[in-house]
Amino acid sequence: MARKTYASTVMLYNDVPMEIVSDLLGHSSIKITQEYYGKVVQKRLSEEMGRIAKKCINTDSIKNEIKIQRQS
């Protein structure tokens, strides 16, 4: 398995902390890991925020629907 695939797909996309990834890859500093793989973390963060926002919207819609049904 390629080093970049291992770090990004296998580890970072499965919630392994950046510090651990850095240690496993043998980087002398976490800054090196962040420079190469920070985009992966940012993409993951964006995806998670979108997922949370979607759940919040769905929750608000359900609450509004229940409120309307109770008023009927």
PDB file of N, CA and C in Angstrom:
ATOM      1  N   MET A   1       0.856  -1.165   0.000  1.00  0.00           N
ATOM      2  CA  MET A   1       0.000   0.000   0.000  1.00  0.00           C
ATOM      3  C   MET A   1       0.907   1.235   0.000  1.00  0.00           C
ATOM      4  N   ALA A   2       0.558   2.199  -0.781  1.00  0.00           N
ATOM      5  CA  ALA A   2       1.345   3.423  -0.879  1.00  0.00           C
ATOM      6  C   ALA A   2       1.274   4.227   0.424  1.00  0.00           C
ATOM      7  N   ARG A   3       2.354   4.891   0.728  1.00  0.00           N
ATOM      8  CA  ARG A   3       2.474   5.657   1.970  1.00  0.00           C
ATOM      9  C   ARG A   3       1.370   6.706   2.110  1.00  0.00           C
ATOM     10  N   LYS A   4       1.122   7.460   1.032  1.00  0.00           N
ATOM     11  CA  LYS A   4       0.114   8.530   1.090  1.00  0.00           C
ATOM     12  C   LYS A   4      -1.289   7.940   1.267  1.00  0.00           C
ATOM     13  N   THR A   5      -1.564   6.846   0.591  1.00  0.00           N
ATOM     14  CA  THR A   5      -2.869   6.191   0.732  1.00  0.00           C
ATOM     15  C   THR A   5      -3.058   5.686   2.157  1.00  0.00           C
ATOM     16  N   TYR A   6      -2.018   5.101   2.690  1.00  0.00           N
ATOM     17  CA  TYR A   6      -2.075   4.596   4.064  1.00  0.00           C
ATOM     18  C   TYR A   6      -2.383   5.724   5.040  1.00  0.00           C
ATOM     19  N   ALA A   7      -1.676   6.839   4.896  1.00  0.00           N
ATOM     20  CA  ALA A   7      -1.858   7.964   5.817  1.00  0.00           C
ATOM     21  C   ALA A   7      -3.223   8.608   5.647  1.00  0.00           C
ATOM     22  N   SER A   8      -3.607   8.849   4.418  1.00  0.00           N
ATOM     23  CA  SER A   8      -4.848   9.597   4.204  1.00  0.00           C
ATOM     24  C   SER A   8      -6.083   8.725   4.297  1.00  0.00           C
ATOM     25  N   THR A   9      -6.191   7.752   3.428  1.00  0.00           N
ATOM     26  CA  THR A   9      -7.409   6.953   3.357  1.00  0.00           C
ATOM     27  C   THR A   9      -7.593   6.046   4.558  1.00  0.00           C
ATOM     28  N   VAL A  10      -6.560   5.310   4.887  1.00  0.00           N
ATOM     29  CA  VAL A  10      -6.699   4.314   5.942  1.00  0.00           C
ATOM     30  C   VAL A  10      -6.742   4.964   7.322  1.00  0.00           C
ATOM     31  N   MET A  11      -5.823   5.859   7.592  1.00  0.00           N
ATOM     32  CA  MET A  11      -5.711   6.373   8.956  1.00  0.00           C
ATOM     33  C   MET A  11      -6.539   7.630   9.201  1.00  0.00           C
ATOM     34  N   LEU A  12      -6.296   8.691   8.457  1.00  0.00           N
ATOM     35  CA  LEU A  12      -6.974   9.953   8.745  1.00  0.00           C
ATOM     36  C   LEU A  12      -8.479   9.873   8.495  1.00  0.00           C
ATOM     37  N   TYR A  13      -8.889   9.128   7.482  1.00  0.00           N
ATOM     38  CA  TYR A  13     -10.326   8.985   7.229  1.00  0.00           C
ATOM     39  C   TYR A  13     -11.006   8.048   8.218  1.00  0.00           C
ATOM     40  N   ASN A  14     -10.205   7.398   9.048  1.00  0.00           N
ATOM     41  CA  ASN A  14     -10.769   6.540  10.088  1.00  0.00           C
ATOM     42  C   ASN A  14     -10.484   7.100  11.474  1.00  0.00           C
ATOM     43  N   ASP A  15     -10.358   8.409  11.533  1.00  0.00           N
ATOM     44  CA  ASP A  15     -10.275   9.160  12.792  1.00  0.00           C
ATOM     45  C   ASP A  15      -9.031   8.886  13.631  1.00  0.00           C
ATOM     46  N   VAL A  16      -7.948   8.439  13.003  1.00  0.00           N
ATOM     47  CA  VAL A  16      -6.685   8.308  13.724  1.00  0.00           C
ATOM     48  C   VAL A  16      -6.113   9.717  13.869  1.00  0.00           C
ATOM     49  N   PRO A  17      -5.783  10.132  15.080  1.00  0.00           N
ATOM     50  CA  PRO A  17      -5.274  11.494  15.285  1.00  0.00           C
ATOM     51  C   PRO A  17      -3.995  11.771  14.484  1.00  0.00           C
ATOM     52  N   MET A  18      -3.854  13.017  14.058  1.00  0.00           N
ATOM     53  CA  MET A  18      -2.710  13.447  13.265  1.00  0.00           C
ATOM     54  C   MET A  18      -1.380  13.126  13.971  1.00  0.00           C
ATOM     55  N   GLU A  19      -1.360  13.244  15.287  1.00  0.00           N
ATOM     56  CA  GLU A  19      -0.136  12.975  16.037  1.00  0.00           C
ATOM     57  C   GLU A  19       0.316  11.523  15.865  1.00  0.00           C
ATOM     58  N   ILE A  20      -0.645  10.609  15.887  1.00  0.00           N
ATOM     59  CA  ILE A  20      -0.340   9.180  15.735  1.00  0.00           C
ATOM     60  C   ILE A  20       0.131   8.903  14.311  1.00  0.00           C
ATOM     61  N   VAL A  21      -0.551   9.497  13.331  1.00  0.00           N
ATOM     62  CA  VAL A  21      -0.150   9.322  11.933  1.00  0.00           C
ATOM     63  C   VAL A  21       1.288   9.795  11.766  1.00  0.00           C
ATOM     64  N   SER A  22       1.594  10.943  12.345  1.00  0.00           N
ATOM     65  CA  SER A  22       2.940  11.499  12.261  1.00  0.00           C
ATOM     66  C   SER A  22       3.977  10.536  12.834  1.00  0.00           C
ATOM     67  N   ASP A  23       3.678   9.991  13.998  1.00  0.00           N
ATOM     68  CA  ASP A  23       4.595   9.034  14.627  1.00  0.00           C
ATOM     69  C   ASP A  23       4.766   7.777  13.775  1.00  0.00           C
ATOM     70  N   LEU A  24       3.675   7.237  13.275  1.00  0.00           N
ATOM     71  CA  LEU A  24       3.740   6.002  12.491  1.00  0.00           C
ATOM     72  C   LEU A  24       4.491   6.189  11.175  1.00  0.00           C
ATOM     73  N   LEU A  25       4.399   7.391  10.616  1.00  0.00           N
ATOM     74  CA  LEU A  25       5.110   7.663   9.368  1.00  0.00           C
ATOM     75  C   LEU A  25       6.569   8.028   9.606  1.00  0.00           C
ATOM     76  N   GLY A  26       6.941   8.224  10.872  1.00  0.00           N
ATOM     77  CA  GLY A  26       8.321   8.539  11.196  1.00  0.00           C
ATOM     78  C   GLY A  26       8.713   9.976  10.939  1.00  0.00           C
ATOM     79  N   HIS A  27       7.736  10.864  10.878  1.00  0.00           N
ATOM     80  CA  HIS A  27       8.052  12.280  10.672  1.00  0.00           C
ATOM     81  C   HIS A  27       8.718  12.844  11.923  1.00  0.00           C
ATOM     82  N   SER A  28       9.682  13.711  11.718  1.00  0.00           N
ATOM     83  CA  SER A  28      10.402  14.306  12.851  1.00  0.00           C
ATOM     84  C   SER A  28       9.563  15.364  13.560  1.00  0.00           C
ATOM     85  N   SER A  29       8.536  15.845  12.900  1.00  0.00           N
ATOM     86  CA  SER A  29       7.676  16.885  13.475  1.00  0.00           C
ATOM     87  C   SER A  29       6.261  16.707  12.942  1.00  0.00           C
ATOM     88  N   ILE A  30       5.292  17.037  13.766  1.00  0.00           N
ATOM     89  CA  ILE A  30       3.897  16.959  13.304  1.00  0.00           C
ATOM     90  C   ILE A  30       3.636  17.972  12.201  1.00  0.00           C
ATOM     91  N   LYS A  31       4.422  19.034  12.156  1.00  0.00           N
ATOM     92  CA  LYS A  31       4.244  20.046  11.103  1.00  0.00           C
ATOM     93  C   LYS A  31       4.452  19.455   9.716  1.00  0.00           C
ATOM     94  N   ILE A  32       5.371  18.520   9.611  1.00  0.00           N
ATOM     95  CA  ILE A  32       5.594  17.848   8.324  1.00  0.00           C
ATOM     96  C   ILE A  32       4.333  17.097   7.917  1.00  0.00           C
ATOM     97  N   THR A  33       3.753  16.375   8.834  1.00  0.00           N
ATOM     98  CA  THR A  33       2.531  15.616   8.568  1.00  0.00           C
ATOM     99  C   THR A  33       1.398  16.567   8.200  1.00  0.00           C
ATOM    100  N   GLN A  34       1.271  17.650   8.926  1.00  0.00           N
ATOM    101  CA  GLN A  34       0.209  18.620   8.665  1.00  0.00           C
ATOM    102  C   GLN A  34       0.346  19.250   7.284  1.00  0.00           C
ATOM    103  N   GLU A  35       1.590  19.518   6.863  1.00  0.00           N
ATOM    104  CA  GLU A  35       1.805  20.101   5.533  1.00  0.00           C
ATOM    105  C   GLU A  35       1.338  19.166   4.432  1.00  0.00           C
ATOM    106  N   TYR A  36       1.637  17.887   4.568  1.00  0.00           N
ATOM    107  CA  TYR A  36       1.286  16.918   3.527  1.00  0.00           C
ATOM    108  C   TYR A  36      -0.158  16.449   3.592  1.00  0.00           C
ATOM    109  N   TYR A  37      -0.680  16.293   4.798  1.00  0.00           N
ATOM    110  CA  TYR A  37      -1.978  15.646   4.951  1.00  0.00           C
ATOM    111  C   TYR A  37      -3.062  16.540   5.548  1.00  0.00           C
ATOM    112  N   GLY A  38      -2.744  17.800   5.771  1.00  0.00           N
ATOM    113  CA  GLY A  38      -3.715  18.728   6.344  1.00  0.00           C
ATOM    114  C   GLY A  38      -4.969  18.883   5.497  1.00  0.00           C
ATOM    115  N   LYS A  39      -4.807  18.794   4.186  1.00  0.00           N
ATOM    116  CA  LYS A  39      -5.962  18.925   3.279  1.00  0.00           C
ATOM    117  C   LYS A  39      -6.956  17.794   3.505  1.00  0.00           C
ATOM    118  N   VAL A  40      -6.439  16.625   3.814  1.00  0.00           N
ATOM    119  CA  VAL A  40      -7.313  15.478   4.084  1.00  0.00           C
ATOM    120  C   VAL A  40      -8.171  15.767   5.311  1.00  0.00           C
ATOM    121  N   VAL A  41      -7.540  16.307   6.340  1.00  0.00           N
ATOM    122  CA  VAL A  41      -8.261  16.623   7.575  1.00  0.00           C
ATOM    123  C   VAL A  41      -9.295  17.711   7.312  1.00  0.00           C
ATOM    124  N   GLN A  42      -8.936  18.732   6.544  1.00  0.00           N
ATOM    125  CA  GLN A  42      -9.880  19.804   6.236  1.00  0.00           C
ATOM    126  C   GLN A  42     -11.073  19.278   5.433  1.00  0.00           C
ATOM    127  N   LYS A  43     -10.805  18.399   4.486  1.00  0.00           N
ATOM    128  CA  LYS A  43     -11.894  17.816   3.693  1.00  0.00           C
ATOM    129  C   LYS A  43     -12.818  17.006   4.593  1.00  0.00           C
ATOM    130  N   ARG A  44     -12.229  16.233   5.466  1.00  0.00           N
ATOM    131  CA  ARG A  44     -13.015  15.419   6.410  1.00  0.00           C
ATOM    132  C   ARG A  44     -13.851  16.303   7.315  1.00  0.00           C
ATOM    133  N   LEU A  45     -13.265  17.386   7.790  1.00  0.00           N
ATOM    134  CA  LEU A  45     -13.978  18.330   8.646  1.00  0.00           C
ATOM    135  C   LEU A  45     -15.176  18.924   7.908  1.00  0.00           C
ATOM    136  N   SER A  46     -14.962  19.322   6.666  1.00  0.00           N
ATOM    137  CA  SER A  46     -16.062  19.868   5.863  1.00  0.00           C
ATOM    138  C   SER A  46     -17.178  18.854   5.673  1.00  0.00           C
ATOM    139  N   GLU A  47     -16.798  17.608   5.402  1.00  0.00           N
ATOM    140  CA  GLU A  47     -17.802  16.554   5.215  1.00  0.00           C
ATOM    141  C   GLU A  47     -18.609  16.332   6.491  1.00  0.00           C
ATOM    142  N   GLU A  48     -17.920  16.304   7.620  1.00  0.00           N
ATOM    143  CA  GLU A  48     -18.602  16.083   8.900  1.00  0.00           C
ATOM    144  C   GLU A  48     -19.529  17.249   9.246  1.00  0.00           C
ATOM    145  N   MET A  49     -19.087  18.460   8.982  1.00  0.00           N
ATOM    146  CA  MET A  49     -19.930  19.629   9.261  1.00  0.00           C
ATOM    147  C   MET A  49     -21.186  19.598   8.385  1.00  0.00           C
ATOM    148  N   GLY A  50     -21.023  19.192   7.142  1.00  0.00           N
ATOM    149  CA  GLY A  50     -22.177  19.051   6.256  1.00  0.00           C
ATOM    150  C   GLY A  50     -23.150  18.000   6.759  1.00  0.00           C
ATOM    151  N   ARG A  51     -22.598  16.896   7.249  1.00  0.00           N
ATOM    152  CA  ARG A  51     -23.442  15.820   7.785  1.00  0.00           C
ATOM    153  C   ARG A  51     -24.206  16.297   9.015  1.00  0.00           C
ATOM    154  N   ILE A  52     -23.534  17.012   9.885  1.00  0.00           N
ATOM    155  CA  ILE A  52     -24.174  17.535  11.099  1.00  0.00           C
ATOM    156  C   ILE A  52     -25.240  18.561  10.741  1.00  0.00           C
ATOM    157  N   ALA A  53     -24.920  19.440   9.810  1.00  0.00           N
ATOM    158  CA  ALA A  53     -25.893  20.444   9.384  1.00  0.00           C
ATOM    159  C   ALA A  53     -27.141  19.781   8.811  1.00  0.00           C
ATOM    160  N   LYS A  54     -26.939  18.728   8.027  1.00  0.00           N
ATOM    161  CA  LYS A  54     -28.068  18.006   7.436  1.00  0.00           C
ATOM    162  C   LYS A  54     -28.942  17.401   8.530  1.00  0.00           C
ATOM    163  N   LYS A  55     -28.313  16.824   9.548  1.00  0.00           N
ATOM    164  CA  LYS A  55     -29.077  16.256  10.655  1.00  0.00           C
ATOM    165  C   LYS A  55     -29.852  17.333  11.399  1.00  0.00           C
ATOM    166  N   CYS A  56     -29.236  18.484  11.587  1.00  0.00           N
ATOM    167  CA  CYS A  56     -29.914  19.586  12.288  1.00  0.00           C
ATOM    168  C   CYS A  56     -31.117  20.062  11.496  1.00  0.00           C
ATOM    169  N   ILE A  57     -30.950  20.184  10.187  1.00  0.00           N
ATOM    170  CA  ILE A  57     -32.065  20.621   9.339  1.00  0.00           C
ATOM    171  C   ILE A  57     -33.187  19.601   9.402  1.00  0.00           C
ATOM    172  N   ASN A  58     -32.841  18.321   9.308  1.00  0.00           N
ATOM    173  CA  ASN A  58     -33.853  17.263   9.379  1.00  0.00           C
ATOM    174  C   ASN A  58     -34.552  17.282  10.733  1.00  0.00           C
ATOM    175  N   THR A  59     -33.816  17.503  11.805  1.00  0.00           N
ATOM    176  CA  THR A  59     -34.392  17.556  13.144  1.00  0.00           C
ATOM    177  C   THR A  59     -35.357  18.724  13.261  1.00  0.00           C
ATOM    178  N   ASP A  60     -34.951  19.884  12.738  1.00  0.00           N
ATOM    179  CA  ASP A  60     -35.823  21.057  12.778  1.00  0.00           C
ATOM    180  C   ASP A  60     -37.097  20.817  11.968  1.00  0.00           C
ATOM    181  N   SER A  61     -36.964  20.165  10.822  1.00  0.00           N
ATOM    182  CA  SER A  61     -38.133  19.863   9.991  1.00  0.00           C
ATOM    183  C   SER A  61     -39.094  18.935  10.724  1.00  0.00           C
ATOM    184  N   ILE A  62     -38.562  17.938  11.393  1.00  0.00           N
ATOM    185  CA  ILE A  62     -39.400  16.995  12.137  1.00  0.00           C
ATOM    186  C   ILE A  62     -40.102  17.713  13.278  1.00  0.00           C
ATOM    187  N   LYS A  63     -39.366  18.559  13.992  1.00  0.00           N
ATOM    188  CA  LYS A  63     -39.971  19.306  15.103  1.00  0.00           C
ATOM    189  C   LYS A  63     -41.103  20.200  14.599  1.00  0.00           C
ATOM    190  N   ASN A  64     -40.882  20.861  13.480  1.00  0.00           N
ATOM    191  CA  ASN A  64     -41.931  21.730  12.912  1.00  0.00           C
ATOM    192  C   ASN A  64     -43.145  20.913  12.480  1.00  0.00           C
ATOM    193  N   GLU A  65     -42.909  19.749  11.907  1.00  0.00           N
ATOM    194  CA  GLU A  65     -43.992  18.884  11.472  1.00  0.00           C
ATOM    195  C   GLU A  65     -44.818  18.413  12.670  1.00  0.00           C
ATOM    196  N   ILE A  66     -44.162  18.034  13.746  1.00  0.00           N
ATOM    197  CA  ILE A  66     -44.866  17.596  14.964  1.00  0.00           C
ATOM    198  C   ILE A  66     -45.662  18.751  15.540  1.00  0.00           C
ATOM    199  N   LYS A  67     -45.087  19.929  15.552  1.00  0.00           N
ATOM    200  CA  LYS A  67     -45.768  21.117  16.083  1.00  0.00           C
ATOM    201  C   LYS A  67     -47.043  21.401  15.274  1.00  0.00           C
ATOM    202  N   ILE A  68     -46.958  21.304  13.967  1.00  0.00           N
ATOM    203  CA  ILE A  68     -48.116  21.540  13.092  1.00  0.00           C
ATOM    204  C   ILE A  68     -49.193  20.484  13.352  1.00  0.00           C
ATOM    205  N   GLN A  69     -48.786  19.222  13.512  1.00  0.00           N
ATOM    206  CA  GLN A  69     -49.733  18.146  13.746  1.00  0.00           C
ATOM    207  C   GLN A  69     -50.449  18.341  15.083  1.00  0.00           C
ATOM    208  N   ARG A  70     -49.730  18.814  16.083  1.00  0.00           N
ATOM    209  CA  ARG A  70     -50.349  19.045  17.398  1.00  0.00           C
ATOM    210  C   ARG A  70     -51.350  20.183  17.351  1.00  0.00           C
ATOM    211  N   GLN A  71     -51.113  21.144  16.495  1.00  0.00           N
ATOM    212  CA  GLN A  71     -52.011  22.297  16.386  1.00  0.00           C
ATOM    213  C   GLN A  71     -53.293  21.940  15.632  1.00  0.00           C
ATOM    214  N   SER A  72     -53.263  20.863  14.867  1.00  0.00           N
ATOM    215  CA  SER A  72     -54.426  20.482  14.056  1.00  0.00           C
ATOM    216  C   SER A  72     -55.492  19.821  14.889  1.00  0.00           C
TER     217      SER A  72
END
